[in-house]
Amino acid sequence: MKKISVVMLLVAAVAWTMSSCGGKTQKVPFDDGSDTVDMTALQDPTIYGVCGEGSAMNTLQIVTDLGDTITLDLTYARENNQVFGGLETGDRMAVVPNGKKTEALIVVNQMALLGNWVMPNPLDGSDEVGFRIKEGGILEGIEQSTLTYKTWRLVRGKLELISIREGAGEEEEVNLYDIVKLSPDSLILKDGEDTYEYGRQQEKKPLSDIKLEEASEDDYKI
């Protein structure tokens, strides 16, 4: 009986030790099983907020979603063409800063991303296909018969689009694009060696708005 009690005590001690150490038996997201996982490297450093009135050509003042006001130097971002969509007081911004949060590396005007973006159908060029970016991460397809767009977000200055392809079940397809250009009427994205050039979709005027001139006698003269 004494031997059994000793064994039970040892098992209980080991179980208590493992539960108290926690991190040795429970893996964190993206954990490879080692004890040297740097969680800070997995975090997205992007600062989200609103462009402040103190912004200038080479300075961005951003009022963050946490209520802080931060001023960042834009020199690096300007020189490397990493300011997308321009600066407009009151617009929502996504900024990737340097480690000390004194300098902006990538700046994306989220408001400039909103809208309908289309390109000629790659298959035959007959129709315009693309997507509609809306506030709140809402993403909708435009003339997409085999692709259902779900959501969008900015990750480390890149545009992430999530969709479901027809015939692939419910499995989501995640695509991460580098932003090459973002202007009022142009959006250029790059995925590896592939480049996609979109234009802002123009509103089609209804037929009722098209006015025809009335015929006159002069129109029938030879």
Protein backbone atom coordinates (compact mmCIF):
# COMPACT_ATOMS: atom_id res chain seq x y z
CA MET A 1 0.00 0.00 0.00
CA LYS A 2 2.83 2.38 0.81
CA LYS A 3 4.43 1.79 -2.62
CA ILE A 4 1.14 2.62 -4.38
CA SER A 5 0.74 5.81 -2.36
CA VAL A 6 4.26 6.93 -3.24
CA VAL A 7 3.62 6.39 -6.99
CA MET A 8 0.35 8.32 -6.82
CA LEU A 9 2.08 11.20 -5.05
CA LEU A 10 4.79 11.32 -7.73
CA VAL A 11 2.18 11.39 -10.54
CA ALA A 12 0.28 14.18 -8.80
CA ALA A 13 3.50 16.17 -8.34
CA VAL A 14 4.40 15.87 -12.03
CA ALA A 15 0.88 16.91 -13.09
CA TRP A 16 0.99 19.95 -10.76
CA THR A 17 4.42 20.94 -12.10
CA MET A 18 3.25 20.79 -15.73
CA SER A 19 0.12 22.82 -15.01
CA SER A 20 2.06 25.47 -13.11
CA CYS A 21 4.61 25.82 -15.93
CA GLY A 22 1.79 26.22 -18.48
CA GLY A 23 3.94 27.51 -21.34
CA LYS A 24 5.80 24.18 -21.59
CA THR A 25 2.71 22.21 -22.59
CA GLN A 26 0.44 24.78 -24.26
CA LYS A 27 1.41 26.06 -27.70
CA VAL A 28 0.73 29.64 -28.67
CA PRO A 29 -0.45 30.57 -32.20
CA PHE A 30 2.29 29.89 -34.79
CA ASP A 31 4.37 28.18 -32.08
CA ASP A 32 6.87 25.69 -33.54
CA GLY A 33 7.24 23.92 -30.21
CA SER A 34 10.43 25.69 -29.18
CA ASP A 35 10.82 27.92 -26.13
CA THR A 36 12.27 30.83 -28.13
CA VAL A 37 9.13 32.08 -29.93
CA ASP A 38 9.23 35.88 -30.19
CA MET A 39 5.59 36.94 -29.92
CA THR A 40 6.45 40.58 -30.74
CA ALA A 41 7.64 39.48 -34.19
CA LEU A 42 4.19 38.02 -34.89
CA GLN A 43 2.35 41.23 -34.06
CA ASP A 44 1.32 43.65 -36.76
CA PRO A 45 3.02 46.99 -35.89
CA THR A 46 0.57 49.01 -38.02
CA ILE A 47 -0.84 52.14 -36.40
CA TYR A 48 -4.47 52.88 -37.23
CA GLY A 49 -6.05 56.27 -36.74
CA VAL A 50 -7.12 59.57 -38.26
CA CYS A 51 -4.95 62.08 -40.10
CA GLY A 52 -4.54 65.12 -37.85
CA GLU A 53 -4.49 68.83 -38.69
CA GLY A 54 -0.78 69.00 -37.88
CA SER A 55 0.13 66.95 -40.96
CA ALA A 56 2.34 68.52 -43.63
CA MET A 57 4.34 67.53 -46.72
CA ASN A 58 6.92 65.49 -44.79
CA THR A 59 5.11 65.10 -41.48
CA LEU A 60 2.13 62.97 -40.53
CA GLN A 61 0.18 63.67 -37.39
CA ILE A 62 -2.07 60.73 -36.57
CA VAL A 63 -4.66 60.48 -33.81
CA THR A 64 -4.62 56.75 -33.10
CA ASP A 65 -7.60 54.55 -32.30
CA LEU A 66 -6.19 54.35 -28.77
CA GLY A 67 -6.49 58.13 -28.37
CA ASP A 68 -2.79 58.97 -28.66
CA THR A 69 -1.47 61.69 -30.96
CA ILE A 70 1.73 60.72 -32.76
CA THR A 71 3.84 62.74 -35.19
CA LEU A 72 5.87 60.76 -37.73
CA ASP A 73 8.53 61.84 -40.20
CA LEU A 74 7.49 61.01 -43.79
CA THR A 75 10.89 61.52 -45.45
CA TYR A 76 11.67 57.81 -45.85
CA ALA A 77 8.17 56.93 -47.08
CA ARG A 78 8.20 59.82 -49.58
CA GLU A 79 11.61 58.97 -50.98
CA ASN A 80 10.63 55.30 -51.44
CA ASN A 81 7.18 56.00 -52.92
CA GLN A 82 5.44 54.39 -49.96
CA VAL A 83 2.74 57.03 -49.35
CA PHE A 84 -0.46 55.75 -50.93
CA GLY A 85 -3.65 57.77 -51.33
CA GLY A 86 -2.31 61.09 -50.07
CA LEU A 87 -2.98 62.89 -46.79
CA GLU A 88 -6.30 64.50 -45.97
CA THR A 89 -7.28 65.74 -42.52
CA GLY A 90 -9.93 63.48 -41.05
CA ASP A 91 -9.21 60.49 -43.30
CA ARG A 92 -8.51 57.12 -41.72
CA MET A 93 -4.89 56.06 -42.12
CA ALA A 94 -2.88 52.87 -41.70
CA VAL A 95 0.80 53.50 -40.97
CA VAL A 96 3.72 51.10 -40.57
CA PRO A 97 6.27 52.91 -38.36
CA ASN A 98 9.89 52.24 -37.51
CA GLY A 99 10.71 50.60 -34.20
CA LYS A 100 10.83 53.88 -32.27
CA LYS A 101 7.59 55.15 -33.86
CA THR A 102 9.30 58.33 -35.03
CA GLU A 103 9.30 57.63 -38.75
CA ALA A 104 6.70 56.24 -41.18
CA LEU A 105 7.83 53.43 -43.47
CA ILE A 106 4.51 52.83 -45.26
CA VAL A 107 1.41 55.08 -45.27
CA VAL A 108 -1.95 54.02 -46.69
CA ASN A 109 -5.00 56.27 -46.82
CA GLN A 110 -7.82 53.82 -46.14
CA MET A 111 -10.48 56.23 -47.38
CA ALA A 112 -8.78 56.35 -50.78
CA LEU A 113 -9.13 52.56 -51.02
CA LEU A 114 -12.91 52.64 -50.72
CA GLY A 115 -14.93 52.27 -53.90
CA ASN A 116 -15.34 50.11 -56.99
CA TRP A 117 -12.15 48.89 -58.66
CA VAL A 118 -12.35 47.13 -62.04
CA MET A 119 -10.18 45.90 -64.90
CA PRO A 120 -10.93 44.27 -68.29
CA ASN A 121 -11.81 40.59 -67.97
CA PRO A 122 -8.46 38.73 -68.40
CA LEU A 123 -10.24 35.95 -70.32
CA ASP A 124 -11.75 37.95 -73.18
CA GLY A 125 -11.67 41.62 -72.20
CA SER A 126 -15.40 41.91 -72.88
CA ASP A 127 -16.56 42.89 -69.40
CA GLU A 128 -15.11 44.70 -66.43
CA VAL A 129 -14.42 42.58 -63.36
CA GLY A 130 -13.13 43.55 -59.95
CA PHE A 131 -14.22 44.22 -56.41
CA ARG A 132 -15.92 46.78 -54.22
CA ILE A 133 -14.09 47.88 -51.05
CA LYS A 134 -16.41 49.20 -48.34
CA GLU A 135 -15.97 50.43 -44.78
CA GLY A 136 -15.87 47.91 -41.97
CA GLY A 137 -13.81 45.37 -43.92
CA ILE A 138 -16.68 44.56 -46.32
CA LEU A 139 -15.56 43.28 -49.72
CA GLU A 140 -17.87 42.48 -52.64
CA GLY A 141 -17.17 41.12 -56.13
CA ILE A 142 -18.04 42.93 -59.35
CA GLU A 143 -19.07 40.60 -62.20
CA GLN A 144 -17.27 37.70 -60.50
CA SER A 145 -19.07 34.46 -61.33
CA THR A 146 -16.60 31.99 -59.80
CA LEU A 147 -15.28 34.07 -56.91
CA THR A 148 -17.09 35.33 -53.82
CA TYR A 149 -15.23 38.07 -51.99
CA LYS A 150 -15.61 38.17 -48.20
CA THR A 151 -13.44 40.68 -46.35
CA TRP A 152 -10.42 42.97 -46.69
CA ARG A 153 -7.88 44.53 -44.35
CA LEU A 154 -4.44 46.11 -44.33
CA VAL A 155 -1.60 44.03 -42.88
CA ARG A 156 1.86 45.59 -42.52
CA GLY A 157 1.01 48.00 -45.32
CA LYS A 158 -0.21 45.25 -47.66
CA LEU A 159 -3.77 44.71 -48.88
CA GLU A 160 -5.27 41.39 -47.83
CA LEU A 161 -8.31 40.11 -49.75
CA ILE A 162 -10.20 37.04 -48.57
CA SER A 163 -12.49 35.16 -50.93
CA ILE A 164 -14.06 31.76 -51.60
CA ARG A 165 -13.66 30.18 -55.03
CA GLU A 166 -16.48 28.20 -56.59
CA GLY A 167 -15.94 24.46 -56.30
CA ALA A 168 -13.50 24.81 -53.39
CA GLY A 169 -16.09 24.21 -50.68
CA GLU A 170 -16.04 26.70 -47.83
CA GLU A 171 -12.25 27.01 -47.76
CA GLU A 172 -11.17 30.64 -47.77
CA GLU A 173 -8.56 31.90 -50.20
CA VAL A 174 -6.28 34.55 -48.67
CA ASN A 175 -4.31 36.82 -51.01
CA LEU A 176 -1.84 39.43 -49.79
CA TYR A 177 -0.86 42.18 -52.25
CA ASP A 178 1.78 44.89 -52.25
CA ILE A 179 0.28 48.27 -53.09
CA VAL A 180 2.21 49.80 -55.98
CA LYS A 181 -0.03 52.78 -56.68
CA LEU A 182 -3.16 54.32 -55.15
CA SER A 183 -4.61 57.47 -56.67
CA PRO A 184 -8.17 58.80 -57.09
CA ASP A 185 -8.67 56.73 -60.26
CA SER A 186 -5.97 54.04 -60.17
CA LEU A 187 -5.08 51.06 -57.96
CA ILE A 188 -2.12 48.85 -58.87
CA LEU A 189 -1.44 45.71 -56.84
CA LYS A 190 1.41 43.22 -57.05
CA ASP A 191 1.48 39.58 -56.02
CA GLY A 192 4.92 38.11 -56.56
CA GLU A 193 5.67 38.59 -60.26
CA ASP A 194 2.04 39.34 -61.20
CA THR A 195 0.79 42.92 -61.39
CA TYR A 196 -2.90 43.89 -61.46
CA GLU A 197 -3.97 47.33 -62.68
CA TYR A 198 -7.43 48.50 -61.64
CA GLY A 199 -9.28 51.69 -62.46
CA ARG A 200 -12.08 53.26 -60.49
CA GLN A 201 -15.36 52.21 -62.04
CA GLN A 202 -17.22 55.03 -63.72
CA GLU A 203 -20.90 55.43 -62.97
CA LYS A 204 -23.09 54.66 -65.95
CA LYS A 205 -25.71 57.29 -66.63
CA PRO A 206 -29.26 55.93 -66.92
CA LEU A 207 -30.88 56.24 -70.32
CA SER A 208 -33.43 58.68 -68.90
CA ASP A 209 -30.60 61.19 -68.34
CA ILE A 210 -29.54 61.14 -71.99
CA LYS A 211 -31.17 64.01 -73.85
CA LEU A 212 -31.68 63.83 -77.61
CA GLU A 213 -31.94 66.93 -79.74
CA GLU A 214 -35.20 67.39 -81.60
CA ALA A 215 -35.01 67.15 -85.38
CA SER A 216 -35.32 70.39 -87.36
CA GLU A 217 -36.11 71.15 -91.00
CA ASP A 218 -32.42 71.79 -91.67
CA ASP A 219 -31.63 68.16 -90.84
CA TYR A 220 -33.57 67.03 -93.91
CA LYS A 221 -32.06 69.45 -96.41
CA ILE A 222 -29.68 67.98 -99.01
